[in-house]
Every structure is written in C-alpha cells, then in structure tokens.
C-alpha cells in the first residue's frame, strides 16, 4: 500500500532501526518505546488488521521472529509481552498488522 508507513519502512523508503528480519517478517525499534525493549514485528506484505488476515500462515513468522528478538534482547528468562492491537478502540495507530515485543521491566496487568 503506497501510503502505509510500515510498508515504506520495509521498502527502505523510511529509515528505521532494524533489529532483525526474515523472508516474511521485519522487526524494528518502536520510536515511542514503553519499555527498555520495545520492538515492532510486521509482515512484509500489507495487511491492515487481524480482521483482514486471510492466510493465517502469515502470522507464524511474526511470532517466530518476535521470539527471536526477545531471546536476542535477553528477555527469555525474565519474560516479555507480545501484543497486537486491532482497530481504533484497541489503540491501533498504524493500520498494518504489527506485533509489539515489550520487555526489560516489570509489566503491569491488566494493560492500560
């Protein structure tokens, strides 16, 4: 999608602090982190929200890369959170599916 900021990041048209990537997914640092580790993991293909996922096999690589990012960030033992906001009421601000990897501090429950 031409106007999607995350698509532009994947294409290299907008700079981002890349953390890791695979053939199907891309991980980069959140520009407004809520914890010492706060990465976004996105599919390379544009999918606006979880409601639009038609081929659920696209989600496996996101979780696989998220686990890798958490492990490489030293969160494997202390714990980390994986969050996908879907839609405006869930505070999804960019309409390209993205999984937040959050950790490095004690996280409260329930979330905000």
Protein backbone atom coordinates (compact mmCIF):
# COMPACT_ATOMS: atom_id res chain seq x y z
CA UNK A 1 0.00 0.00 0.00
CA UNK A 2 1.60 3.23 -1.18
CA UNK A 3 0.73 5.42 1.81
CA UNK A 4 1.44 2.89 4.59
CA UNK A 5 4.37 3.99 6.76
CA UNK A 6 5.27 0.41 7.70
CA UNK A 7 5.30 -0.65 4.03
CA UNK A 8 7.67 2.24 3.39
CA UNK A 9 9.91 1.05 6.24
CA UNK A 10 10.04 -2.46 4.77
CA UNK A 11 10.88 -0.99 1.35
CA UNK A 12 13.67 1.13 2.85
CA UNK A 13 11.96 4.40 1.89
CA UNK A 14 11.70 5.50 5.54
CA UNK A 15 14.58 4.85 7.94
CA UNK A 16 14.04 2.65 10.98
CA UNK A 17 16.33 0.97 13.47
CA UNK A 18 16.22 -2.57 12.08
CA UNK A 19 16.55 -5.29 14.70
CA UNK A 20 16.06 -8.44 12.63
CA UNK A 21 14.39 -9.71 9.50
CA UNK A 22 13.37 -12.83 7.67
CA UNK A 23 11.92 -13.53 4.27
CA UNK A 24 8.41 -12.93 5.64
CA UNK A 25 8.81 -10.54 8.59
CA UNK A 26 10.70 -7.42 9.63
CA UNK A 27 11.48 -6.21 13.18
CA UNK A 28 12.44 -2.69 14.12
CA UNK A 29 12.59 -0.48 17.23
CA UNK A 30 9.43 1.37 18.23
CA UNK A 31 10.00 5.12 18.04
CA UNK A 32 7.91 5.63 21.22
CA UNK A 33 9.09 2.75 23.44
CA UNK A 34 7.13 1.89 26.57
CA UNK A 35 9.87 -0.35 27.99
CA UNK A 36 13.63 -0.84 27.62
CA UNK A 37 12.90 -3.33 24.84
CA UNK A 38 10.07 -2.35 22.53
CA UNK A 39 10.20 -3.74 19.02
CA UNK A 40 7.60 -3.98 16.29
CA UNK A 41 7.43 -7.11 14.16
CA UNK A 42 5.49 -6.76 10.92
CA UNK A 43 4.68 -8.93 7.94
CA UNK A 44 6.40 -7.81 4.75
CA UNK A 45 3.04 -7.89 2.97
CA UNK A 46 0.47 -5.24 3.80
CA UNK A 47 -2.40 -6.46 5.96
CA UNK A 48 -4.30 -3.65 7.71
CA UNK A 49 -5.59 -5.50 10.81
CA UNK A 50 -6.04 -9.02 12.13
CA UNK A 51 -9.59 -8.79 10.80
CA UNK A 52 -8.19 -8.76 7.25
CA UNK A 53 -5.88 -11.77 7.60
CA UNK A 54 -6.96 -14.34 5.01
CA UNK A 55 -3.98 -16.69 5.13
CA UNK A 56 -3.17 -17.30 8.78
CA UNK A 57 0.17 -18.87 7.89
CA UNK A 58 1.46 -15.28 7.62
CA UNK A 59 1.20 -14.93 11.41
CA UNK A 60 3.56 -17.77 12.33
CA UNK A 61 6.66 -15.98 11.00
CA UNK A 62 5.74 -12.88 13.05
CA UNK A 63 5.66 -14.85 16.29
CA UNK A 64 8.80 -16.75 15.33
CA UNK A 65 10.70 -13.51 14.72
CA UNK A 66 9.23 -11.96 17.89
CA UNK A 67 10.56 -14.87 19.97
CA UNK A 68 13.97 -14.47 18.32
CA UNK A 69 14.00 -10.72 19.06
CA UNK A 70 13.05 -11.37 22.69
CA UNK A 71 15.75 -14.01 23.08
CA UNK A 72 18.44 -11.87 21.43
CA UNK A 73 17.37 -8.95 23.66
CA UNK A 74 17.93 -11.04 26.79
CA UNK A 75 14.26 -11.36 27.72
CA UNK A 76 13.97 -15.14 27.56
CA UNK A 77 14.33 -15.67 31.32
CA UNK A 78 12.74 -12.50 32.72
CA UNK A 79 9.75 -12.51 30.39
CA UNK A 80 8.25 -10.38 27.66
CA UNK A 81 4.89 -9.48 26.22
CA UNK A 82 3.58 -9.90 22.66
CA UNK A 83 0.73 -7.53 21.81
CA UNK A 84 -1.29 -6.98 18.65
CA UNK A 85 -3.77 -4.10 18.77
CA UNK A 86 -6.65 -4.47 16.33
CA UNK A 87 -8.76 -1.46 15.42
CA UNK A 88 -9.24 2.02 16.83
CA UNK A 89 -10.68 1.00 20.22
CA UNK A 90 -7.60 -1.17 20.81
CA UNK A 91 -5.40 1.87 20.03
CA UNK A 92 -4.10 0.56 16.70
CA UNK A 93 -2.43 3.68 15.31
CA UNK A 94 -0.84 2.28 12.14
CA UNK A 95 -3.10 0.10 10.03
CA UNK A 96 -0.55 -2.55 9.08
CA UNK A 97 -0.57 -5.61 11.36
CA UNK A 98 2.24 -5.29 13.88
CA UNK A 99 3.23 -7.30 16.90
CA UNK A 100 4.78 -5.38 19.81
CA UNK A 101 7.60 -7.15 21.66
CA UNK A 102 7.79 -5.45 25.05
CA UNK A 103 10.08 -6.26 27.97
CA UNK A 104 13.05 -5.35 30.08
CA UNK A 105 10.98 -4.18 33.07
CA UNK A 106 8.10 -5.40 35.22
CA UNK A 107 4.92 -5.08 33.14
CA UNK A 108 1.61 -4.39 34.85
CA UNK A 109 -1.61 -6.32 34.36
CA UNK A 110 -4.13 -5.61 33.11
CA UNK A 111 -2.55 -3.41 30.46
CA UNK A 112 -3.77 0.21 30.19
